[in-house]
Structure formats: C-alpha cells, structure tokens
C-alpha cells in the first residue's frame, strides 16, 4: 500500500465526520460566514465589499459541497430542465 493510499484510508473517517458536522450545522455556519463578511465589510468601510462578497460566496459553495457530498451534482442524471420563465418570443 502506497503512502497516498495509506493517507486516504486514515483520513476517510475524519472526512465523513466533518461532512456530517457540516450537514448538521449548515445554518449556523452560513450565519457565521455572513456575520464575518459583514464585520469585515464594516471595518474596511466598504472598500473591499465586492471581494468580501465573492469570497463569502465561494466559502458557502465549498461548505455546501462538503455538507452535501453524497448528493449528485447538478446535471448528474437529471434530465429535467431548470425551472424558469418560458423563453420570450
């Protein structure tokens, strides 16, 4: 067994535990990210507002992927089109 295989085998249970915790506390984590972004934006007086929002969005996406890693990704076997307004003619 190679070094990488050994590391994967040891980290598997920890990854599952982190995923479970992220799923259980998803709302609190989202709230904490929003609060941190708001505080950073206030302290910088809005100077980096766009960057803060972009980083917060990326963090929320990563957390969502971690919390829902067992769910299939977008378009994975789903043939129904996304809900939206009908095309304009």
PDB file of N, CA and C in Angstrom:
ATOM      1  N   UNK A   1       0.847  -1.173   0.000  1.00  0.00           N
ATOM      2  CA  UNK A   1       0.000   0.000   0.000  1.00  0.00           C
ATOM      3  C   UNK A   1       0.890   1.232   0.000  1.00  0.00           C
ATOM      4  N   UNK A   2       0.642   2.135  -0.935  1.00  0.00           N
ATOM      5  CA  UNK A   2       1.444   3.329  -1.056  1.00  0.00           C
ATOM      6  C   UNK A   2       1.106   4.367   0.002  1.00  0.00           C
ATOM      7  N   UNK A   3       1.929   5.362   0.072  1.00  0.00           N
ATOM      8  CA  UNK A   3       1.751   6.429   1.047  1.00  0.00           C
ATOM      9  C   UNK A   3       0.414   7.139   0.853  1.00  0.00           C
ATOM     10  N   UNK A   4       0.058   7.440  -0.390  1.00  0.00           N
ATOM     11  CA  UNK A   4      -1.198   8.133  -0.669  1.00  0.00           C
ATOM     12  C   UNK A   4      -2.399   7.275  -0.294  1.00  0.00           C
ATOM     13  N   UNK A   5      -2.351   6.004  -0.604  1.00  0.00           N
ATOM     14  CA  UNK A   5      -3.444   5.100  -0.236  1.00  0.00           C
ATOM     15  C   UNK A   5      -3.590   5.013   1.287  1.00  0.00           C
ATOM     16  N   UNK A   6      -2.469   4.972   1.977  1.00  0.00           N
ATOM     17  CA  UNK A   6      -2.469   4.914   3.433  1.00  0.00           C
ATOM     18  C   UNK A   6      -3.095   6.178   4.023  1.00  0.00           C
ATOM     19  N   UNK A   7      -2.742   7.324   3.474  1.00  0.00           N
ATOM     20  CA  UNK A   7      -3.298   8.599   3.954  1.00  0.00           C
ATOM     21  C   UNK A   7      -4.802   8.658   3.702  1.00  0.00           C
ATOM     22  N   UNK A   8      -5.238   8.230   2.521  1.00  0.00           N
ATOM     23  CA  UNK A   8      -6.661   8.237   2.195  1.00  0.00           C
ATOM     24  C   UNK A   8      -7.441   7.339   3.140  1.00  0.00           C
ATOM     25  N   UNK A   9      -6.885   6.189   3.453  1.00  0.00           N
ATOM     26  CA  UNK A   9      -7.558   5.251   4.346  1.00  0.00           C
ATOM     27  C   UNK A   9      -7.694   5.824   5.755  1.00  0.00           C
ATOM     28  N   UNK A  10      -6.706   6.550   6.204  1.00  0.00           N
ATOM     29  CA  UNK A  10      -6.751   7.128   7.548  1.00  0.00           C
ATOM     30  C   UNK A  10      -7.633   8.370   7.620  1.00  0.00           C
ATOM     31  N   UNK A  11      -7.681   9.137   6.538  1.00  0.00           N
ATOM     32  CA  UNK A  11      -8.460  10.374   6.546  1.00  0.00           C
ATOM     33  C   UNK A  11      -9.927  10.175   6.169  1.00  0.00           C
ATOM     34  N   UNK A  12     -10.289   9.010   5.655  1.00  0.00           N
ATOM     35  CA  UNK A  12     -11.669   8.743   5.261  1.00  0.00           C
ATOM     36  C   UNK A  12     -12.672   8.954   6.380  1.00  0.00           C
ATOM     37  N   UNK A  13     -12.467   8.353   7.551  1.00  0.00           N
ATOM     38  CA  UNK A  13     -13.417   8.556   8.650  1.00  0.00           C
ATOM     39  C   UNK A  13     -13.498  10.016   9.104  1.00  0.00           C
ATOM     40  N   UNK A  14     -12.381  10.716   9.109  1.00  0.00           N
ATOM     41  CA  UNK A  14     -12.392  12.126   9.509  1.00  0.00           C
ATOM     42  C   UNK A  14     -13.189  12.955   8.507  1.00  0.00           C
ATOM     43  N   UNK A  15     -13.046  12.657   7.234  1.00  0.00           N
ATOM     44  CA  UNK A  15     -13.783  13.382   6.200  1.00  0.00           C
ATOM     45  C   UNK A  15     -15.281  13.139   6.353  1.00  0.00           C
ATOM     46  N   UNK A  16     -15.656  11.904   6.656  1.00  0.00           N
ATOM     47  CA  UNK A  16     -17.062  11.596   6.875  1.00  0.00           C
ATOM     48  C   UNK A  16     -17.607  12.348   8.080  1.00  0.00           C
ATOM     49  N   UNK A  17     -16.826  12.425   9.132  1.00  0.00           N
ATOM     50  CA  UNK A  17     -17.255  13.124  10.354  1.00  0.00           C
ATOM     51  C   UNK A  17     -17.412  14.618  10.087  1.00  0.00           C
ATOM     52  N   UNK A  18     -16.476  15.220   9.382  1.00  0.00           N
ATOM     53  CA  UNK A  18     -16.566  16.643   9.052  1.00  0.00           C
ATOM     54  C   UNK A  18     -17.784  16.903   8.177  1.00  0.00           C
ATOM     55  N   UNK A  19     -18.048  16.023   7.240  1.00  0.00           N
ATOM     56  CA  UNK A  19     -19.217  16.164   6.378  1.00  0.00           C
ATOM     57  C   UNK A  19     -20.502  16.093   7.187  1.00  0.00           C
ATOM     58  N   UNK A  20     -20.564  15.166   8.132  1.00  0.00           N
ATOM     59  CA  UNK A  20     -21.746  15.045   8.988  1.00  0.00           C
ATOM     60  C   UNK A  20     -21.947  16.301   9.830  1.00  0.00           C
ATOM     61  N   UNK A  21     -20.861  16.817  10.406  1.00  0.00           N
ATOM     62  CA  UNK A  21     -20.970  18.034  11.211  1.00  0.00           C
ATOM     63  C   UNK A  21     -21.389  19.225  10.368  1.00  0.00           C
ATOM     64  N   UNK A  22     -20.854  19.333   9.166  1.00  0.00           N
ATOM     65  CA  UNK A  22     -21.229  20.435   8.278  1.00  0.00           C
ATOM     66  C   UNK A  22     -22.702  20.346   7.904  1.00  0.00           C
ATOM     67  N   UNK A  23     -23.185  19.135   7.722  1.00  0.00           N
ATOM     68  CA  UNK A  23     -24.585  18.949   7.374  1.00  0.00           C
ATOM     69  C   UNK A  23     -25.491  19.297   8.553  1.00  0.00           C
ATOM     70  N   UNK A  24     -25.097  18.920   9.757  1.00  0.00           N
ATOM     71  CA  UNK A  24     -25.899  19.197  10.945  1.00  0.00           C
ATOM     72  C   UNK A  24     -25.954  20.689  11.262  1.00  0.00           C
ATOM     73  N   UNK A  25     -24.866  21.395  11.038  1.00  0.00           N
ATOM     74  CA  UNK A  25     -24.754  22.795  11.457  1.00  0.00           C
ATOM     75  C   UNK A  25     -24.672  23.755  10.277  1.00  0.00           C
ATOM     76  N   UNK A  26     -25.224  23.368   9.161  1.00  0.00           N
ATOM     77  CA  UNK A  26     -25.118  24.184   7.952  1.00  0.00           C
ATOM     78  C   UNK A  26     -25.659  25.599   8.157  1.00  0.00           C
ATOM     79  N   UNK A  27     -26.789  25.723   8.803  1.00  0.00           N
ATOM     80  CA  UNK A  27     -27.388  27.034   9.031  1.00  0.00           C
ATOM     81  C   UNK A  27     -26.515  27.929   9.896  1.00  0.00           C
ATOM     82  N   UNK A  28     -25.950  27.360  10.948  1.00  0.00           N
ATOM     83  CA  UNK A  28     -25.090  28.145  11.835  1.00  0.00           C
ATOM     84  C   UNK A  28     -23.808  28.569  11.125  1.00  0.00           C
ATOM     85  N   UNK A  29     -23.278  27.695  10.285  1.00  0.00           N
ATOM     86  CA  UNK A  29     -22.062  28.020   9.542  1.00  0.00           C
ATOM     87  C   UNK A  29     -22.347  29.150   8.550  1.00  0.00           C
ATOM     88  N   UNK A  30     -23.481  29.058   7.843  1.00  0.00           N
ATOM     89  CA  UNK A  30     -23.865  30.108   6.894  1.00  0.00           C
ATOM     90  C   UNK A  30     -24.009  31.443   7.626  1.00  0.00           C
ATOM     91  N   UNK A  31     -24.659  31.414   8.788  1.00  0.00           N
ATOM     92  CA  UNK A  31     -24.847  32.637   9.577  1.00  0.00           C
ATOM     93  C   UNK A  31     -23.495  33.212  10.003  1.00  0.00           C
ATOM     94  N   UNK A  32     -22.577  32.344  10.425  1.00  0.00           N
ATOM     95  CA  UNK A  32     -21.243  32.796  10.827  1.00  0.00           C
ATOM     96  C   UNK A  32     -20.470  33.419   9.675  1.00  0.00           C
ATOM     97  N   UNK A  33     -20.588  32.836   8.489  1.00  0.00           N
ATOM     98  CA  UNK A  33     -19.923  33.406   7.314  1.00  0.00           C
ATOM     99  C   UNK A  33     -20.485  34.784   6.986  1.00  0.00           C
ATOM    100  N   UNK A  34     -21.819  34.913   7.063  1.00  0.00           N
ATOM    101  CA  UNK A  34     -22.446  36.206   6.802  1.00  0.00           C
ATOM    102  C   UNK A  34     -22.008  37.255   7.825  1.00  0.00           C
ATOM    103  N   UNK A  35     -21.955  36.858   9.080  1.00  0.00           N
ATOM    104  CA  UNK A  35     -21.558  37.782  10.142  1.00  0.00           C
ATOM    105  C   UNK A  35     -20.102  38.233   9.970  1.00  0.00           C
ATOM    106  N   UNK A  36     -19.231  37.283   9.626  1.00  0.00           N
ATOM    107  CA  UNK A  36     -17.822  37.621   9.406  1.00  0.00           C
ATOM    108  C   UNK A  36     -17.669  38.559   8.215  1.00  0.00           C
ATOM    109  N   UNK A  37     -18.432  38.308   7.151  1.00  0.00           N
ATOM    110  CA  UNK A  37     -18.367  39.169   5.969  1.00  0.00           C
ATOM    111  C   UNK A  37     -18.857  40.575   6.295  1.00  0.00           C
ATOM    112  N   UNK A  38     -19.941  40.662   7.052  1.00  0.00           N
ATOM    113  CA  UNK A  38     -20.483  41.964   7.434  1.00  0.00           C
ATOM    114  C   UNK A  38     -19.481  42.745   8.281  1.00  0.00           C
ATOM    115  N   UNK A  39     -18.844  42.056   9.238  1.00  0.00           N
ATOM    116  CA  UNK A  39     -17.853  42.699  10.105  1.00  0.00           C
ATOM    117  C   UNK A  39     -16.651  43.179   9.294  1.00  0.00           C
ATOM    118  N   UNK A  40     -16.157  42.338   8.397  1.00  0.00           N
ATOM    119  CA  UNK A  40     -15.012  42.725   7.571  1.00  0.00           C
ATOM    120  C   UNK A  40     -15.372  43.910   6.674  1.00  0.00           C
ATOM    121  N   UNK A  41     -16.576  43.902   6.138  1.00  0.00           N
ATOM    122  CA  UNK A  41     -17.013  44.995   5.269  1.00  0.00           C
ATOM    123  C   UNK A  41     -17.127  46.302   6.056  1.00  0.00           C
ATOM    124  N   UNK A  42     -17.635  46.222   7.277  1.00  0.00           N
ATOM    125  CA  UNK A  42     -17.743  47.423   8.114  1.00  0.00           C
ATOM    126  C   UNK A  42     -16.370  47.959   8.485  1.00  0.00           C
ATOM    127  N   UNK A  43     -15.451  47.074   8.829  1.00  0.00           N
ATOM    128  CA  UNK A  43     -14.114  47.508   9.252  1.00  0.00           C
ATOM    129  C   UNK A  43     -13.317  48.116   8.106  1.00  0.00           C
ATOM    130  N   UNK A  44     -13.569  47.677   6.897  1.00  0.00           N
ATOM    131  CA  UNK A  44     -12.862  48.236   5.745  1.00  0.00           C
ATOM    132  C   UNK A  44     -13.662  49.357   5.098  1.00  0.00           C
ATOM    133  N   UNK A  45     -14.789  49.728   5.739  1.00  0.00           N
ATOM    134  CA  UNK A  45     -15.653  50.812   5.269  1.00  0.00           C
ATOM    135  C   UNK A  45     -16.109  50.611   3.823  1.00  0.00           C
ATOM    136  N   UNK A  46     -16.373  49.351   3.460  1.00  0.00           N
ATOM    137  CA  UNK A  46     -16.905  49.027   2.143  1.00  0.00           C
ATOM    138  C   UNK A  46     -15.893  49.046   1.013  1.00  0.00           C
ATOM    139  N   UNK A  47     -14.641  49.297   1.325  1.00  0.00           N
ATOM    140  CA  UNK A  47     -13.616  49.406   0.282  1.00  0.00           C
ATOM    141  C   UNK A  47     -13.430  48.091  -0.492  1.00  0.00           C
ATOM    142  N   UNK A  48     -13.558  46.980   0.197  1.00  0.00           N
ATOM    143  CA  UNK A  48     -13.351  45.672  -0.434  1.00  0.00           C
ATOM    144  C   UNK A  48     -14.641  44.864  -0.474  1.00  0.00           C
ATOM    145  N   UNK A  49     -15.761  45.527  -0.530  1.00  0.00           N
ATOM    146  CA  UNK A  49     -17.060  44.880  -0.448  1.00  0.00           C
ATOM    147  C   UNK A  49     -17.238  43.799  -1.509  1.00  0.00           C
ATOM    148  N   UNK A  50     -16.862  44.088  -2.752  1.00  0.00           N
ATOM    149  CA  UNK A  50     -17.039  43.102  -3.821  1.00  0.00           C
ATOM    150  C   UNK A  50     -16.184  41.859  -3.582  1.00  0.00           C
ATOM    151  N   UNK A  51     -14.973  42.043  -3.106  1.00  0.00           N
ATOM    152  CA  UNK A  51     -14.091  40.901  -2.841  1.00  0.00           C
ATOM    153  C   UNK A  51     -14.593  40.084  -1.655  1.00  0.00           C
ATOM    154  N   UNK A  52     -15.092  40.776  -0.641  1.00  0.00           N
ATOM    155  CA  UNK A  52     -15.615  40.083   0.534  1.00  0.00           C
ATOM    156  C   UNK A  52     -16.826  39.239   0.144  1.00  0.00           C
ATOM    157  N   UNK A  53     -17.716  39.797  -0.648  1.00  0.00           N
ATOM    158  CA  UNK A  53     -18.903  39.046  -1.078  1.00  0.00           C
ATOM    159  C   UNK A  53     -18.521  37.847  -1.947  1.00  0.00           C
ATOM    160  N   UNK A  54     -17.545  38.049  -2.813  1.00  0.00           N
ATOM    161  CA  UNK A  54     -17.095  36.959  -3.678  1.00  0.00           C
ATOM    162  C   UNK A  54     -16.484  35.823  -2.847  1.00  0.00           C
ATOM    163  N   UNK A  55     -15.662  36.182  -1.886  1.00  0.00           N
ATOM    164  CA  UNK A  55     -15.047  35.178  -1.016  1.00  0.00           C
ATOM    165  C   UNK A  55     -16.067  34.458  -0.149  1.00  0.00           C
ATOM    166  N   UNK A  56     -17.044  35.204   0.344  1.00  0.00           N
ATOM    167  CA  UNK A  56     -18.100  34.602   1.152  1.00  0.00           C
ATOM    168  C   UNK A  56     -18.902  33.619   0.320  1.00  0.00           C
ATOM    169  N   UNK A  57     -19.207  33.985  -0.909  1.00  0.00           N
ATOM    170  CA  UNK A  57     -19.941  33.089  -1.798  1.00  0.00           C
ATOM    171  C   UNK A  57     -19.176  31.808  -2.070  1.00  0.00           C
ATOM    172  N   UNK A  58     -17.883  31.939  -2.279  1.00  0.00           N
ATOM    173  CA  UNK A  58     -17.054  30.749  -2.521  1.00  0.00           C
ATOM    174  C   UNK A  58     -16.987  29.857  -1.288  1.00  0.00           C
ATOM    175  N   UNK A  59     -16.884  30.473  -0.116  1.00  0.00           N
ATOM    176  CA  UNK A  59     -16.840  29.695   1.123  1.00  0.00           C
ATOM    177  C   UNK A  59     -18.158  28.956   1.335  1.00  0.00           C
ATOM    178  N   UNK A  60     -19.273  29.625   1.049  1.00  0.00           N
ATOM    179  CA  UNK A  60     -20.581  28.986   1.194  1.00  0.00           C
ATOM    180  C   UNK A  60     -20.738  27.837   0.205  1.00  0.00           C
ATOM    181  N   UNK A  61     -20.262  28.016  -1.019  1.00  0.00           N
ATOM    182  CA  UNK A  61     -20.331  26.943  -2.009  1.00  0.00           C
ATOM    183  C   UNK A  61     -19.506  25.734  -1.571  1.00  0.00           C
ATOM    184  N   UNK A  62     -18.299  25.991  -1.081  1.00  0.00           N
ATOM    185  CA  UNK A  62     -17.433  24.900  -0.628  1.00  0.00           C
ATOM    186  C   UNK A  62     -18.056  24.180   0.559  1.00  0.00           C
ATOM    187  N   UNK A  63     -18.632  24.932   1.483  1.00  0.00           N
ATOM    188  CA  UNK A  63     -19.275  24.329   2.636  1.00  0.00           C
ATOM    189  C   UNK A  63     -20.491  23.509   2.195  1.00  0.00           C
ATOM    190  N   UNK A  64     -21.229  24.011   1.242  1.00  0.00           N
ATOM    191  CA  UNK A  64     -22.384  23.284   0.724  1.00  0.00           C
ATOM    192  C   UNK A  64     -21.984  21.981   0.060  1.00  0.00           C
ATOM    193  N   UNK A  65     -20.888  22.022  -0.705  1.00  0.00           N
ATOM    194  CA  UNK A  65     -20.401  20.791  -1.334  1.00  0.00           C
ATOM    195  C   UNK A  65     -19.960  19.780  -0.288  1.00  0.00           C
ATOM    196  N   UNK A  66     -19.331  20.258   0.766  1.00  0.00           N
ATOM    197  CA  UNK A  66     -18.870  19.372   1.824  1.00  0.00           C
ATOM    198  C   UNK A  66     -20.055  18.768   2.578  1.00  0.00           C
ATOM    199  N   UNK A  67     -21.061  19.587   2.859  1.00  0.00           N
ATOM    200  CA  UNK A  67     -22.221  19.115   3.616  1.00  0.00           C
ATOM    201  C   UNK A  67     -23.073  18.152   2.805  1.00  0.00           C
ATOM    202  N   UNK A  68     -23.104  18.331   1.504  1.00  0.00           N
ATOM    203  CA  UNK A  68     -23.959  17.511   0.652  1.00  0.00           C
ATOM    204  C   UNK A  68     -23.148  16.696  -0.343  1.00  0.00           C
ATOM    205  N   UNK A  69     -22.061  16.143   0.098  1.00  0.00           N
ATOM    206  CA  UNK A  69     -21.174  15.443  -0.826  1.00  0.00           C
ATOM    207  C   UNK A  69     -21.769  14.140  -1.332  1.00  0.00           C
ATOM    208  N   UNK A  70     -22.779  13.590  -0.661  1.00  0.00           N
ATOM    209  CA  UNK A  70     -23.424  12.364  -1.128  1.00  0.00           C
ATOM    210  C   UNK A  70     -24.465  12.651  -2.198  1.00  0.00           C
ATOM    211  N   UNK A  71     -24.915  13.914  -2.296  1.00  0.00           N
ATOM    212  CA  UNK A  71     -25.905  14.286  -3.299  1.00  0.00           C
ATOM    213  C   UNK A  71     -25.235  14.370  -4.659  1.00  0.00           C
ATOM    214  N   UNK A  72     -25.927  13.964  -5.723  1.00  0.00           N
ATOM    215  CA  UNK A  72     -25.343  14.115  -7.054  1.00  0.00           C
ATOM    216  C   UNK A  72     -25.237  15.593  -7.417  1.00  0.00           C
ATOM    217  N   UNK A  73     -24.249  15.924  -8.162  1.00  0.00           N
ATOM    218  CA  UNK A  73     -24.041  17.304  -8.573  1.00  0.00           C
ATOM    219  C   UNK A  73     -25.074  17.748  -9.580  1.00  0.00           C
ATOM    220  N   UNK A  74     -25.044  19.007  -9.942  1.00  0.00           N
ATOM    221  CA  UNK A  74     -26.009  19.498 -10.920  1.00  0.00           C
ATOM    222  C   UNK A  74     -25.820  18.806 -12.261  1.00  0.00           C
ATOM    223  N   UNK A  75     -26.916  18.325 -12.811  1.00  0.00           N
ATOM    224  CA  UNK A  75     -26.861  17.668 -14.105  1.00  0.00           C
ATOM    225  C   UNK A  75     -26.433  16.217 -14.048  1.00  0.00           C
ATOM    226  N   UNK A  76     -26.234  15.669 -12.865  1.00  0.00           N
ATOM    227  CA  UNK A  76     -25.812  14.268 -12.750  1.00  0.00           C
ATOM    228  C   UNK A  76     -27.025  13.360 -12.851  1.00  0.00           C
ATOM    229  N   UNK A  77     -27.390  12.982 -14.070  1.00  0.00           N
ATOM    230  CA  UNK A  77     -28.505  12.089 -14.281  1.00  0.00           C
ATOM    231  C   UNK A  77     -29.852  12.787 -14.297  1.00  0.00           C
ATOM    232  N   UNK A  78     -29.885  14.073 -14.122  1.00  0.00           N
ATOM    233  CA  UNK A  78     -31.135  14.824 -14.104  1.00  0.00           C
ATOM    234  C   UNK A  78     -31.377  15.389 -15.494  1.00  0.00           C
ATOM    235  N   UNK A  79     -32.470  14.958 -16.118  1.00  0.00           N
ATOM    236  CA  UNK A  79     -32.739  15.400 -17.482  1.00  0.00           C
ATOM    237  C   UNK A  79     -33.805  16.479 -17.545  1.00  0.00           C
ATOM    238  N   UNK A  80     -34.376  16.865 -16.401  1.00  0.00           N
ATOM    239  CA  UNK A  80     -35.386  17.914 -16.417  1.00  0.00           C
ATOM    240  C   UNK A  80     -34.703  19.269 -16.504  1.00  0.00           C
ATOM    241  N   UNK A  81     -35.237  20.172 -17.320  1.00  0.00           N
ATOM    242  CA  UNK A  81     -34.622  21.486 -17.432  1.00  0.00           C
ATOM    243  C   UNK A  81     -34.865  22.299 -16.162  1.00  0.00           C
ATOM    244  N   UNK A  82     -34.008  23.256 -15.872  1.00  0.00           N
ATOM    245  CA  UNK A  82     -34.194  24.066 -14.681  1.00  0.00           C
ATOM    246  C   UNK A  82     -35.453  24.914 -14.793  1.00  0.00           C
ATOM    247  N   UNK A  83     -36.118  25.138 -13.664  1.00  0.00           N
ATOM    248  CA  UNK A  83     -37.337  25.934 -13.643  1.00  0.00           C
ATOM    249  C   UNK A  83     -36.979  27.377 -13.934  1.00  0.00           C
ATOM    250  N   UNK A  84     -37.782  28.017 -14.701  1.00  0.00           N
ATOM    251  CA  UNK A  84     -37.534  29.413 -15.041  1.00  0.00           C
ATOM    252  C   UNK A  84     -38.631  29.916 -15.944  1.00  0.00           C
ATOM    253  N   UNK A  85     -38.549  31.169 -16.297  1.00  0.00           N
ATOM    254  CA  UNK A  85     -39.596  31.706 -17.167  1.00  0.00           C
ATOM    255  C   UNK A  85     -39.502  31.110 -18.553  1.00  0.00           C
ATOM    256  N   UNK A  86     -40.638  31.039 -19.258  1.00  0.00           N
ATOM    257  CA  UNK A  86     -40.590  30.498 -20.616  1.00  0.00           C
ATOM    258  C   UNK A  86     -39.823  31.442 -21.523  1.00  0.00           C
ATOM    259  N   UNK A  87     -39.226  30.922 -22.583  1.00  0.00           N
ATOM    260  CA  UNK A  87     -38.457  31.780 -23.492  1.00  0.00           C
ATOM    261  C   UNK A  87     -39.360  32.826 -24.146  1.00  0.00           C
ATOM    262  N   UNK A  88     -38.839  34.035 -24.288  1.00  0.00           N
ATOM    263  CA  UNK A  88     -39.578  35.115 -24.917  1.00  0.00           C
ATOM    264  C   UNK A  88     -39.607  34.925 -26.428  1.00  0.00           C
ATOM    265  N   UNK A  89     -40.752  35.239 -27.037  1.00  0.00           N
ATOM    266  CA  UNK A  89     -40.859  35.053 -28.479  1.00  0.00           C
ATOM    267  C   UNK A  89     -41.160  36.331 -29.176  1.00  0.00           C
TER     268      UNK A  89
END
